[in-house]
mmCIF file of all heavy atoms, coordinates in Angstrom:
data_MODEL
# 
_entry.id   MODEL 
# 
loop_
_atom_site.group_PDB 
_atom_site.id 
_atom_site.type_symbol 
_atom_site.label_atom_id 
_atom_site.label_alt_id 
_atom_site.label_comp_id 
_atom_site.label_asym_id 
_atom_site.label_entity_id 
_atom_site.label_seq_id 
_atom_site.pdbx_PDB_ins_code 
_atom_site.Cartn_x 
_atom_site.Cartn_y 
_atom_site.Cartn_z 
_atom_site.occupancy 
_atom_site.B_iso_or_equiv 
_atom_site.pdbx_formal_charge 
_atom_site.auth_seq_id 
_atom_site.auth_comp_id 
_atom_site.auth_asym_id 
_atom_site.auth_atom_id 
_atom_site.pdbx_PDB_model_num 
ATOM 1   N N   . ASN A 1 1  ? -17.682 -8.565  14.722  1.00 0.00 ? 1  ASN A N   1 
ATOM 2   C CA  . ASN A 1 1  ? -17.488 -9.076  16.077  1.00 0.00 ? 1  ASN A CA  1 
ATOM 3   C C   . ASN A 1 1  ? -17.130 -7.935  17.023  1.00 0.00 ? 1  ASN A C   1 
ATOM 4   O O   . ASN A 1 1  ? -17.989 -7.382  17.681  1.00 0.00 ? 1  ASN A O   1 
ATOM 5   C CB  . ASN A 1 1  ? -16.409 -10.167 16.076  1.00 0.00 ? 1  ASN A CB  1 
ATOM 6   C CG  . ASN A 1 1  ? -16.802 -11.369 15.248  1.00 0.00 ? 1  ASN A CG  1 
ATOM 7   O OD1 . ASN A 1 1  ? -17.893 -11.905 15.429  1.00 0.00 ? 1  ASN A OD1 1 
ATOM 8   N ND2 . ASN A 1 1  ? -15.948 -11.809 14.355  1.00 0.00 ? 1  ASN A ND2 1 
ATOM 9   N N   . SER A 1 2  ? -15.862 -7.569  17.053  1.00 0.00 ? 2  SER A N   1 
ATOM 10  C CA  . SER A 1 2  ? -15.448 -6.470  17.932  1.00 0.00 ? 2  SER A CA  1 
ATOM 11  C C   . SER A 1 2  ? -15.412 -5.130  17.215  1.00 0.00 ? 2  SER A C   1 
ATOM 12  O O   . SER A 1 2  ? -15.386 -4.079  17.862  1.00 0.00 ? 2  SER A O   1 
ATOM 13  C CB  . SER A 1 2  ? -14.063 -6.757  18.527  1.00 0.00 ? 2  SER A CB  1 
ATOM 14  O OG  . SER A 1 2  ? -13.099 -6.960  17.504  1.00 0.00 ? 2  SER A OG  1 
ATOM 15  N N   . LEU A 1 3  ? -15.409 -5.161  15.881  1.00 0.00 ? 3  LEU A N   1 
ATOM 16  C CA  . LEU A 1 3  ? -15.389 -3.926  15.099  1.00 0.00 ? 3  LEU A CA  1 
ATOM 17  C C   . LEU A 1 3  ? -16.490 -3.942  14.055  1.00 0.00 ? 3  LEU A C   1 
ATOM 18  O O   . LEU A 1 3  ? -16.881 -5.014  13.556  1.00 0.00 ? 3  LEU A O   1 
ATOM 19  C CB  . LEU A 1 3  ? -14.038 -3.756  14.393  1.00 0.00 ? 3  LEU A CB  1 
ATOM 20  C CG  . LEU A 1 3  ? -12.798 -3.544  15.274  1.00 0.00 ? 3  LEU A CG  1 
ATOM 21  C CD1 . LEU A 1 3  ? -11.550 -3.475  14.410  1.00 0.00 ? 3  LEU A CD1 1 
ATOM 22  C CD2 . LEU A 1 3  ? -12.932 -2.298  16.122  1.00 0.00 ? 3  LEU A CD2 1 
ATOM 23  N N   . PHE A 1 4  ? -16.958 -2.737  13.706  1.00 0.00 ? 4  PHE A N   1 
ATOM 24  C CA  . PHE A 1 4  ? -18.053 -2.601  12.740  1.00 0.00 ? 4  PHE A CA  1 
ATOM 25  C C   . PHE A 1 4  ? -17.705 -1.502  11.743  1.00 0.00 ? 4  PHE A C   1 
ATOM 26  O O   . PHE A 1 4  ? -17.206 -0.442  12.127  1.00 0.00 ? 4  PHE A O   1 
ATOM 27  C CB  . PHE A 1 4  ? -19.366 -2.271  13.453  1.00 0.00 ? 4  PHE A CB  1 
ATOM 28  C CG  . PHE A 1 4  ? -19.717 -3.278  14.510  1.00 0.00 ? 4  PHE A CG  1 
ATOM 29  C CD1 . PHE A 1 4  ? -19.320 -3.085  15.829  1.00 0.00 ? 4  PHE A CD1 1 
ATOM 30  C CD2 . PHE A 1 4  ? -20.426 -4.417  14.181  1.00 0.00 ? 4  PHE A CD2 1 
ATOM 31  C CE1 . PHE A 1 4  ? -19.628 -4.009  16.807  1.00 0.00 ? 4  PHE A CE1 1 
ATOM 32  C CE2 . PHE A 1 4  ? -20.743 -5.357  15.152  1.00 0.00 ? 4  PHE A CE2 1 
ATOM 33  C CZ  . PHE A 1 4  ? -20.340 -5.164  16.470  1.00 0.00 ? 4  PHE A CZ  1 
ATOM 34  N N   . LYS A 1 5  ? -17.966 -1.786  10.478  1.00 0.00 ? 5  LYS A N   1 
ATOM 35  C CA  . LYS A 1 5  ? -17.705 -0.792  9.444   1.00 0.00 ? 5  LYS A CA  1 
ATOM 36  C C   . LYS A 1 5  ? -18.700 0.353   9.563   1.00 0.00 ? 5  LYS A C   1 
ATOM 37  O O   . LYS A 1 5  ? -19.900 0.131   9.760   1.00 0.00 ? 5  LYS A O   1 
ATOM 38  C CB  . LYS A 1 5  ? -17.807 -1.432  8.059   1.00 0.00 ? 5  LYS A CB  1 
ATOM 39  C CG  . LYS A 1 5  ? -17.435 -0.480  6.927   1.00 0.00 ? 5  LYS A CG  1 
ATOM 40  C CD  . LYS A 1 5  ? -17.469 -1.186  5.582   1.00 0.00 ? 5  LYS A CD  1 
ATOM 41  C CE  . LYS A 1 5  ? -17.120 -0.221  4.461   1.00 0.00 ? 5  LYS A CE  1 
ATOM 42  N NZ  . LYS A 1 5  ? -17.159 -0.881  3.136   1.00 0.00 ? 5  LYS A NZ  1 
ATOM 43  N N   . VAL A 1 6  ? -18.195 1.579   9.457   1.00 0.00 ? 6  VAL A N   1 
ATOM 44  C CA  . VAL A 1 6  ? -19.053 2.769   9.460   1.00 0.00 ? 6  VAL A CA  1 
ATOM 45  C C   . VAL A 1 6  ? -19.518 2.949   8.022   1.00 0.00 ? 6  VAL A C   1 
ATOM 46  O O   . VAL A 1 6  ? -18.772 3.407   7.150   1.00 0.00 ? 6  VAL A O   1 
ATOM 47  C CB  . VAL A 1 6  ? -18.290 3.997   9.969   1.00 0.00 ? 6  VAL A CB  1 
ATOM 48  C CG1 . VAL A 1 6  ? -19.199 5.226   9.955   1.00 0.00 ? 6  VAL A CG1 1 
ATOM 49  C CG2 . VAL A 1 6  ? -17.743 3.750   11.380  1.00 0.00 ? 6  VAL A CG2 1 
ATOM 50  N N   . ASP A 1 7  ? -20.773 2.597   7.770   1.00 0.00 ? 7  ASP A N   1 
ATOM 51  C CA  . ASP A 1 7  ? -21.240 2.449   6.390   1.00 0.00 ? 7  ASP A CA  1 
ATOM 52  C C   . ASP A 1 7  ? -21.255 3.744   5.592   1.00 0.00 ? 7  ASP A C   1 
ATOM 53  O O   . ASP A 1 7  ? -21.050 3.718   4.376   1.00 0.00 ? 7  ASP A O   1 
ATOM 54  C CB  . ASP A 1 7  ? -22.644 1.826   6.384   1.00 0.00 ? 7  ASP A CB  1 
ATOM 55  C CG  . ASP A 1 7  ? -22.617 0.373   6.823   1.00 0.00 ? 7  ASP A CG  1 
ATOM 56  O OD1 . ASP A 1 7  ? -21.601 -0.306  6.551   1.00 0.00 ? 7  ASP A OD1 1 
ATOM 57  O OD2 . ASP A 1 7  ? -23.591 -0.077  7.447   1.00 0.00 ? 7  ASP A OD2 1 
ATOM 58  N N   . ASP A 1 8  ? -21.515 4.879   6.244   1.00 0.00 ? 8  ASP A N   1 
ATOM 59  C CA  . ASP A 1 8  ? -21.605 6.109   5.456   1.00 0.00 ? 8  ASP A CA  1 
ATOM 60  C C   . ASP A 1 8  ? -20.268 6.844   5.360   1.00 0.00 ? 8  ASP A C   1 
ATOM 61  O O   . ASP A 1 8  ? -20.206 7.960   4.840   1.00 0.00 ? 8  ASP A O   1 
ATOM 62  C CB  . ASP A 1 8  ? -22.677 7.043   6.021   1.00 0.00 ? 8  ASP A CB  1 
ATOM 63  C CG  . ASP A 1 8  ? -22.329 7.589   7.402   1.00 0.00 ? 8  ASP A CG  1 
ATOM 64  O OD1 . ASP A 1 8  ? -21.508 6.957   8.094   1.00 0.00 ? 8  ASP A OD1 1 
ATOM 65  O OD2 . ASP A 1 8  ? -22.878 8.645   7.778   1.00 0.00 ? 8  ASP A OD2 1 
ATOM 66  N N   . ALA A 1 9  ? -19.199 6.233   5.836   1.00 0.00 ? 9  ALA A N   1 
ATOM 67  C CA  . ALA A 1 9  ? -17.861 6.818   5.695   1.00 0.00 ? 9  ALA A CA  1 
ATOM 68  C C   . ALA A 1 9  ? -17.232 6.315   4.395   1.00 0.00 ? 9  ALA A C   1 
ATOM 69  O O   . ALA A 1 9  ? -17.196 5.113   4.131   1.00 0.00 ? 9  ALA A O   1 
ATOM 70  C CB  . ALA A 1 9  ? -16.979 6.447   6.876   1.00 0.00 ? 9  ALA A CB  1 
ATOM 71  N N   . ALA A 1 10 ? -16.736 7.229   3.583   1.00 0.00 ? 10 ALA A N   1 
ATOM 72  C CA  . ALA A 1 10 ? -16.148 6.856   2.298   1.00 0.00 ? 10 ALA A CA  1 
ATOM 73  C C   . ALA A 1 10 ? -14.887 6.023   2.501   1.00 0.00 ? 10 ALA A C   1 
ATOM 74  O O   . ALA A 1 10 ? -14.134 6.223   3.461   1.00 0.00 ? 10 ALA A O   1 
ATOM 75  C CB  . ALA A 1 10 ? -15.810 8.112   1.495   1.00 0.00 ? 10 ALA A CB  1 
ATOM 76  N N   . VAL A 1 11 ? -14.694 5.073   1.609   1.00 0.00 ? 11 VAL A N   1 
ATOM 77  C CA  . VAL A 1 11 ? -13.435 4.327   1.591   1.00 0.00 ? 11 VAL A CA  1 
ATOM 78  C C   . VAL A 1 11 ? -12.356 5.240   1.032   1.00 0.00 ? 11 VAL A C   1 
ATOM 79  O O   . VAL A 1 11 ? -12.543 5.909   0.013   1.00 0.00 ? 11 VAL A O   1 
ATOM 80  C CB  . VAL A 1 11 ? -13.563 3.062   0.723   1.00 0.00 ? 11 VAL A CB  1 
ATOM 81  C CG1 . VAL A 1 11 ? -12.220 2.324   0.646   1.00 0.00 ? 11 VAL A CG1 1 
ATOM 82  C CG2 . VAL A 1 11 ? -14.648 2.148   1.275   1.00 0.00 ? 11 VAL A CG2 1 
ATOM 83  N N   . ILE A 1 12 ? -11.225 5.310   1.700   1.00 0.00 ? 12 ILE A N   1 
ATOM 84  C CA  . ILE A 1 12 ? -10.096 6.103   1.212   1.00 0.00 ? 12 ILE A CA  1 
ATOM 85  C C   . ILE A 1 12 ? -9.086  5.129   0.615   1.00 0.00 ? 12 ILE A C   1 
ATOM 86  O O   . ILE A 1 12 ? -8.574  4.250   1.303   1.00 0.00 ? 12 ILE A O   1 
ATOM 87  C CB  . ILE A 1 12 ? -9.449  6.929   2.340   1.00 0.00 ? 12 ILE A CB  1 
ATOM 88  C CG1 . ILE A 1 12 ? -10.477 7.924   2.910   1.00 0.00 ? 12 ILE A CG1 1 
ATOM 89  C CG2 . ILE A 1 12 ? -8.212  7.671   1.824   1.00 0.00 ? 12 ILE A CG2 1 
ATOM 90  C CD1 . ILE A 1 12 ? -9.938  8.802   4.025   1.00 0.00 ? 12 ILE A CD1 1 
ATOM 91  N N   . HIS A 1 13 ? -8.829  5.306   -0.670  1.00 0.00 ? 13 HIS A N   1 
ATOM 92  C CA  . HIS A 1 13 ? -7.973  4.365   -1.382  1.00 0.00 ? 13 HIS A CA  1 
ATOM 93  C C   . HIS A 1 13 ? -6.528  4.843   -1.361  1.00 0.00 ? 13 HIS A C   1 
ATOM 94  O O   . HIS A 1 13 ? -6.209  5.946   -1.783  1.00 0.00 ? 13 HIS A O   1 
ATOM 95  C CB  . HIS A 1 13 ? -8.455  4.197   -2.824  1.00 0.00 ? 13 HIS A CB  1 
ATOM 96  C CG  . HIS A 1 13 ? -9.812  3.557   -2.918  1.00 0.00 ? 13 HIS A CG  1 
ATOM 97  N ND1 . HIS A 1 13 ? -9.990  2.196   -2.864  1.00 0.00 ? 13 HIS A ND1 1 
ATOM 98  C CD2 . HIS A 1 13 ? -11.052 4.109   -3.030  1.00 0.00 ? 13 HIS A CD2 1 
ATOM 99  C CE1 . HIS A 1 13 ? -11.286 1.920   -2.963  1.00 0.00 ? 13 HIS A CE1 1 
ATOM 100 N NE2 . HIS A 1 13 ? -11.952 3.064   -3.061  1.00 0.00 ? 13 HIS A NE2 1 
ATOM 101 N N   . LYS A 1 14 ? -5.663  3.991   -0.841  1.00 0.00 ? 14 LYS A N   1 
ATOM 102 C CA  . LYS A 1 14 ? -4.225  4.240   -0.840  1.00 0.00 ? 14 LYS A CA  1 
ATOM 103 C C   . LYS A 1 14 ? -3.538  3.156   -1.668  1.00 0.00 ? 14 LYS A C   1 
ATOM 104 O O   . LYS A 1 14 ? -4.111  2.098   -1.931  1.00 0.00 ? 14 LYS A O   1 
ATOM 105 C CB  . LYS A 1 14 ? -3.669  4.193   0.590   1.00 0.00 ? 14 LYS A CB  1 
ATOM 106 C CG  . LYS A 1 14 ? -4.050  5.374   1.449   1.00 0.00 ? 14 LYS A CG  1 
ATOM 107 C CD  . LYS A 1 14 ? -3.285  6.637   1.065   1.00 0.00 ? 14 LYS A CD  1 
ATOM 108 C CE  . LYS A 1 14 ? -1.797  6.484   1.343   1.00 0.00 ? 14 LYS A CE  1 
ATOM 109 N NZ  . LYS A 1 14 ? -1.033  7.688   0.934   1.00 0.00 ? 14 LYS A NZ  1 
ATOM 110 N N   . GLU A 1 15 ? -2.326  3.442   -2.065  1.00 0.00 ? 15 GLU A N   1 
ATOM 111 C CA  . GLU A 1 15 ? -1.507  2.450   -2.750  1.00 0.00 ? 15 GLU A CA  1 
ATOM 112 C C   . GLU A 1 15 ? -0.172  2.345   -2.031  1.00 0.00 ? 15 GLU A C   1 
ATOM 113 O O   . GLU A 1 15 ? 0.350   3.336   -1.529  1.00 0.00 ? 15 GLU A O   1 
ATOM 114 C CB  . GLU A 1 15 ? -1.255  2.841   -4.222  1.00 0.00 ? 15 GLU A CB  1 
ATOM 115 C CG  . GLU A 1 15 ? -2.496  2.843   -5.094  1.00 0.00 ? 15 GLU A CG  1 
ATOM 116 C CD  . GLU A 1 15 ? -3.358  4.085   -4.891  1.00 0.00 ? 15 GLU A CD  1 
ATOM 117 O OE1 . GLU A 1 15 ? -2.782  5.149   -4.575  1.00 0.00 ? 15 GLU A OE1 1 
ATOM 118 O OE2 . GLU A 1 15 ? -4.578  3.979   -5.020  1.00 0.00 ? 15 GLU A OE2 1 
ATOM 119 N N   . ALA A 1 16 ? 0.357   1.150   -1.984  1.00 0.00 ? 16 ALA A N   1 
ATOM 120 C CA  . ALA A 1 16 ? 1.698   0.937   -1.433  1.00 0.00 ? 16 ALA A CA  1 
ATOM 121 C C   . ALA A 1 16 ? 2.670   0.786   -2.597  1.00 0.00 ? 16 ALA A C   1 
ATOM 122 O O   . ALA A 1 16 ? 2.344   0.171   -3.624  1.00 0.00 ? 16 ALA A O   1 
ATOM 123 C CB  . ALA A 1 16 ? 1.725   -0.292  -0.544  1.00 0.00 ? 16 ALA A CB  1 
ATOM 124 N N   . TYR A 1 17 ? 3.855   1.358   -2.430  1.00 0.00 ? 17 TYR A N   1 
ATOM 125 C CA  . TYR A 1 17 ? 4.855   1.367   -3.495  1.00 0.00 ? 17 TYR A CA  1 
ATOM 126 C C   . TYR A 1 17 ? 6.152   0.717   -3.033  1.00 0.00 ? 17 TYR A C   1 
ATOM 127 O O   . TYR A 1 17 ? 6.576   0.894   -1.882  1.00 0.00 ? 17 TYR A O   1 
ATOM 128 C CB  . TYR A 1 17 ? 5.167   2.801   -3.931  1.00 0.00 ? 17 TYR A CB  1 
ATOM 129 C CG  . TYR A 1 17 ? 4.005   3.519   -4.570  1.00 0.00 ? 17 TYR A CG  1 
ATOM 130 C CD1 . TYR A 1 17 ? 3.044   4.163   -3.790  1.00 0.00 ? 17 TYR A CD1 1 
ATOM 131 C CD2 . TYR A 1 17 ? 3.864   3.552   -5.953  1.00 0.00 ? 17 TYR A CD2 1 
ATOM 132 C CE1 . TYR A 1 17 ? 1.979   4.822   -4.369  1.00 0.00 ? 17 TYR A CE1 1 
ATOM 133 C CE2 . TYR A 1 17 ? 2.788   4.223   -6.542  1.00 0.00 ? 17 TYR A CE2 1 
ATOM 134 C CZ  . TYR A 1 17 ? 1.852   4.846   -5.750  1.00 0.00 ? 17 TYR A CZ  1 
ATOM 135 O OH  . TYR A 1 17 ? 0.789   5.497   -6.320  1.00 0.00 ? 17 TYR A OH  1 
ATOM 136 N N   . ALA A 1 18 ? 6.766   -0.022  -3.946  1.00 0.00 ? 18 ALA A N   1 
ATOM 137 C CA  . ALA A 1 18 ? 8.137   -0.477  -3.750  1.00 0.00 ? 18 ALA A CA  1 
ATOM 138 C C   . ALA A 1 18 ? 9.053   0.567   -4.367  1.00 0.00 ? 18 ALA A C   1 
ATOM 139 O O   . ALA A 1 18 ? 8.788   1.073   -5.465  1.00 0.00 ? 18 ALA A O   1 
ATOM 140 C CB  . ALA A 1 18 ? 8.353   -1.828  -4.418  1.00 0.00 ? 18 ALA A CB  1 
ATOM 141 N N   . VAL A 1 19 ? 10.123  0.898   -3.656  1.00 0.00 ? 19 VAL A N   1 
ATOM 142 C CA  . VAL A 1 19 ? 11.052  1.929   -4.120  1.00 0.00 ? 19 VAL A CA  1 
ATOM 143 C C   . VAL A 1 19 ? 12.461  1.355   -4.113  1.00 0.00 ? 19 VAL A C   1 
ATOM 144 O O   . VAL A 1 19 ? 12.872  0.700   -3.145  1.00 0.00 ? 19 VAL A O   1 
ATOM 145 C CB  . VAL A 1 19 ? 10.996  3.175   -3.210  1.00 0.00 ? 19 VAL A CB  1 
ATOM 146 C CG1 . VAL A 1 19 ? 11.846  4.299   -3.792  1.00 0.00 ? 19 VAL A CG1 1 
ATOM 147 C CG2 . VAL A 1 19 ? 9.552   3.647   -3.013  1.00 0.00 ? 19 VAL A CG2 1 
ATOM 148 N N   . TYR A 1 20 ? 13.198  1.616   -5.185  1.00 0.00 ? 20 TYR A N   1 
ATOM 149 C CA  . TYR A 1 20 ? 14.576  1.130   -5.269  1.00 0.00 ? 20 TYR A CA  1 
ATOM 150 C C   . TYR A 1 20 ? 15.349  1.994   -6.258  1.00 0.00 ? 20 TYR A C   1 
ATOM 151 O O   . TYR A 1 20 ? 14.770  2.781   -7.030  1.00 0.00 ? 20 TYR A O   1 
ATOM 152 C CB  . TYR A 1 20 ? 14.607  -0.341  -5.699  1.00 0.00 ? 20 TYR A CB  1 
ATOM 153 C CG  . TYR A 1 20 ? 13.898  -0.642  -6.998  1.00 0.00 ? 20 TYR A CG  1 
ATOM 154 C CD1 . TYR A 1 20 ? 14.566  -0.590  -8.214  1.00 0.00 ? 20 TYR A CD1 1 
ATOM 155 C CD2 . TYR A 1 20 ? 12.542  -0.977  -7.011  1.00 0.00 ? 20 TYR A CD2 1 
ATOM 156 C CE1 . TYR A 1 20 ? 13.916  -0.854  -9.413  1.00 0.00 ? 20 TYR A CE1 1 
ATOM 157 C CE2 . TYR A 1 20 ? 11.878  -1.245  -8.192  1.00 0.00 ? 20 TYR A CE2 1 
ATOM 158 C CZ  . TYR A 1 20 ? 12.566  -1.192  -9.393  1.00 0.00 ? 20 TYR A CZ  1 
ATOM 159 O OH  . TYR A 1 20 ? 11.924  -1.441  -10.574 1.00 0.00 ? 20 TYR A OH  1 
ATOM 160 N N   . SER A 1 21 ? 16.656  1.826   -6.241  1.00 0.00 ? 21 SER A N   1 
ATOM 161 C CA  . SER A 1 21 ? 17.512  2.556   -7.175  1.00 0.00 ? 21 SER A CA  1 
ATOM 162 C C   . SER A 1 21 ? 17.760  1.708   -8.409  1.00 0.00 ? 21 SER A C   1 
ATOM 163 O O   . SER A 1 21 ? 18.171  0.545   -8.291  1.00 0.00 ? 21 SER A O   1 
ATOM 164 C CB  . SER A 1 21 ? 18.846  2.905   -6.513  1.00 0.00 ? 21 SER A CB  1 
ATOM 165 O OG  . SER A 1 21 ? 19.773  3.372   -7.483  1.00 0.00 ? 21 SER A OG  1 
ATOM 166 N N   . PRO A 1 22 ? 17.542  2.249   -9.609  1.00 0.00 ? 22 PRO A N   1 
ATOM 167 C CA  . PRO A 1 22 ? 17.823  1.470   -10.824 1.00 0.00 ? 22 PRO A CA  1 
ATOM 168 C C   . PRO A 1 22 ? 19.314  1.214   -11.023 1.00 0.00 ? 22 PRO A C   1 
ATOM 169 O O   . PRO A 1 22 ? 19.695  0.378   -11.839 1.00 0.00 ? 22 PRO A O   1 
ATOM 170 C CB  . PRO A 1 22 ? 17.253  2.354   -11.945 1.00 0.00 ? 22 PRO A CB  1 
ATOM 171 C CG  . PRO A 1 22 ? 17.261  3.738   -11.380 1.00 0.00 ? 22 PRO A CG  1 
ATOM 172 C CD  . PRO A 1 22 ? 17.007  3.588   -9.912  1.00 0.00 ? 22 PRO A CD  1 
ATOM 173 N N   . ALA A 1 23 ? 20.157  1.937   -10.251 1.00 0.00 ? 23 ALA A N   1 
ATOM 174 C CA  . ALA A 1 23 ? 21.604  1.741   -10.352 1.00 0.00 ? 23 ALA A CA  1 
ATOM 175 C C   . ALA A 1 23 ? 22.098  0.644   -9.415  1.00 0.00 ? 23 ALA A C   1 
ATOM 176 O O   . ALA A 1 23 ? 23.290  0.324   -9.407  1.00 0.00 ? 23 ALA A O   1 
ATOM 177 C CB  . ALA A 1 23 ? 22.330  3.053   -10.036 1.00 0.00 ? 23 ALA A CB  1 
ATOM 178 N N   . ASN A 1 24 ? 21.203  0.052   -8.631  1.00 0.00 ? 24 ASN A N   1 
ATOM 179 C CA  . ASN A 1 24 ? 21.600  -0.986  -7.689  1.00 0.00 ? 24 ASN A CA  1 
ATOM 180 C C   . ASN A 1 24 ? 22.141  -2.205  -8.438  1.00 0.00 ? 24 ASN A C   1 
ATOM 181 O O   . ASN A 1 24 ? 21.530  -2.665  -9.405  1.00 0.00 ? 24 ASN A O   1 
ATOM 182 C CB  . ASN A 1 24 ? 20.393  -1.383  -6.825  1.00 0.00 ? 24 ASN A CB  1 
ATOM 183 C CG  . ASN A 1 24 ? 20.773  -2.215  -5.622  1.00 0.00 ? 24 ASN A CG  1 
ATOM 184 O OD1 . ASN A 1 24 ? 21.440  -3.228  -5.729  1.00 0.00 ? 24 ASN A OD1 1 
ATOM 185 N ND2 . ASN A 1 24 ? 20.338  -1.779  -4.446  1.00 0.00 ? 24 ASN A ND2 1 
ATOM 186 N N   . SER A 1 25 ? 23.271  -2.723  -7.968  1.00 0.00 ? 25 SER A N   1 
ATOM 187 C CA  . SER A 1 25 ? 23.888  -3.870  -8.631  1.00 0.00 ? 25 SER A CA  1 
ATOM 188 C C   . SER A 1 25 ? 23.041  -5.140  -8.506  1.00 0.00 ? 25 SER A C   1 
ATOM 189 O O   . SER A 1 25 ? 23.270  -6.117  -9.221  1.00 0.00 ? 25 SER A O   1 
ATOM 190 C CB  . SER A 1 25 ? 25.286  -4.128  -8.056  1.00 0.00 ? 25 SER A CB  1 
ATOM 191 O OG  . SER A 1 25 ? 25.211  -4.426  -6.673  1.00 0.00 ? 25 SER A OG  1 
ATOM 192 N N   . LYS A 1 26 ? 22.066  -5.138  -7.595  1.00 0.00 ? 26 LYS A N   1 
ATOM 193 C CA  . LYS A 1 26 ? 21.208  -6.306  -7.382  1.00 0.00 ? 26 LYS A CA  1 
ATOM 194 C C   . LYS A 1 26 ? 19.828  -6.111  -8.024  1.00 0.00 ? 26 LYS A C   1 
ATOM 195 O O   . LYS A 1 26 ? 18.839  -6.667  -7.572  1.00 0.00 ? 26 LYS A O   1 
ATOM 196 C CB  . LYS A 1 26 ? 21.044  -6.576  -5.885  1.00 0.00 ? 26 LYS A CB  1 
ATOM 197 C CG  . LYS A 1 26 ? 22.361  -6.711  -5.143  1.00 0.00 ? 26 LYS A CG  1 
ATOM 198 C CD  . LYS A 1 26 ? 22.135  -6.641  -3.650  1.00 0.00 ? 26 LYS A CD  1 
ATOM 199 C CE  . LYS A 1 26 ? 23.452  -6.480  -2.927  1.00 0.00 ? 26 LYS A CE  1 
ATOM 200 N NZ  . LYS A 1 26 ? 23.265  -6.248  -1.491  1.00 0.00 ? 26 LYS A NZ  1 
ATOM 201 N N   . LEU A 1 27 ? 19.787  -5.325  -9.074  1.00 0.00 ? 27 LEU A N   1 
ATOM 202 C CA  . LEU A 1 27 ? 18.506  -4.949  -9.675  1.00 0.00 ? 27 LEU A CA  1 
ATOM 203 C C   . LEU A 1 27 ? 17.681  -6.163  -10.083 1.00 0.00 ? 27 LEU A C   1 
ATOM 204 O O   . LEU A 1 27 ? 16.465  -6.198  -9.858  1.00 0.00 ? 27 LEU A O   1 
ATOM 205 C CB  . LEU A 1 27 ? 18.752  -4.049  -10.882 1.00 0.00 ? 27 LEU A CB  1 
ATOM 206 C CG  . LEU A 1 27 ? 17.519  -3.403  -11.517 1.00 0.00 ? 27 LEU A CG  1 
ATOM 207 C CD1 . LEU A 1 27 ? 16.770  -2.558  -10.498 1.00 0.00 ? 27 LEU A CD1 1 
ATOM 208 C CD2 . LEU A 1 27 ? 17.926  -2.557  -12.721 1.00 0.00 ? 27 LEU A CD2 1 
ATOM 209 N N   . GLU A 1 28 ? 18.312  -7.176  -10.656 1.00 0.00 ? 28 GLU A N   1 
ATOM 210 C CA  . GLU A 1 28 ? 17.569  -8.376  -11.076 1.00 0.00 ? 28 GLU A CA  1 
ATOM 211 C C   . GLU A 1 28 ? 16.981  -9.104  -9.869  1.00 0.00 ? 28 GLU A C   1 
ATOM 212 O O   . GLU A 1 28 ? 15.864  -9.620  -9.929  1.00 0.00 ? 28 GLU A O   1 
ATOM 213 C CB  . GLU A 1 28 ? 18.467  -9.294  -11.889 1.00 0.00 ? 28 GLU A CB  1 
ATOM 214 C CG  . GLU A 1 28 ? 18.834  -8.740  -13.258 1.00 0.00 ? 28 GLU A CG  1 
ATOM 215 C CD  . GLU A 1 28 ? 17.605  -8.342  -14.069 1.00 0.00 ? 28 GLU A CD  1 
ATOM 216 O OE1 . GLU A 1 28 ? 16.656  -9.163  -14.132 1.00 0.00 ? 28 GLU A OE1 1 
ATOM 217 O OE2 . GLU A 1 28 ? 17.585  -7.235  -14.623 1.00 0.00 ? 28 GLU A OE2 1 
ATOM 218 N N   . ASN A 1 29 ? 17.721  -9.162  -8.770  1.00 0.00 ? 29 ASN A N   1 
ATOM 219 C CA  . ASN A 1 29 ? 17.198  -9.789  -7.551  1.00 0.00 ? 29 ASN A CA  1 
ATOM 220 C C   . ASN A 1 29 ? 16.013  -9.008  -7.008  1.00 0.00 ? 29 ASN A C   1 
ATOM 221 O O   . ASN A 1 29 ? 15.025  -9.590  -6.528  1.00 0.00 ? 29 ASN A O   1 
ATOM 222 C CB  . ASN A 1 29 ? 18.289  -9.857  -6.485  1.00 0.00 ? 29 ASN A CB  1 
ATOM 223 C CG  . ASN A 1 29 ? 19.471  -10.707 -6.904  1.00 0.00 ? 29 ASN A CG  1 
ATOM 224 O OD1 . ASN A 1 29 ? 20.514  -10.177 -7.259  1.00 0.00 ? 29 ASN A OD1 1 
ATOM 225 N ND2 . ASN A 1 29 ? 19.308  -12.016 -6.882  1.00 0.00 ? 29 ASN A ND2 1 
# 
């Protein structure tokens, strides 16, 4: 509609991470 994929541009794969301290008292939560 308003945007179009640029077909010859490579997809760049990223990952999102959750980060926490294993010493946190709320680890189970």
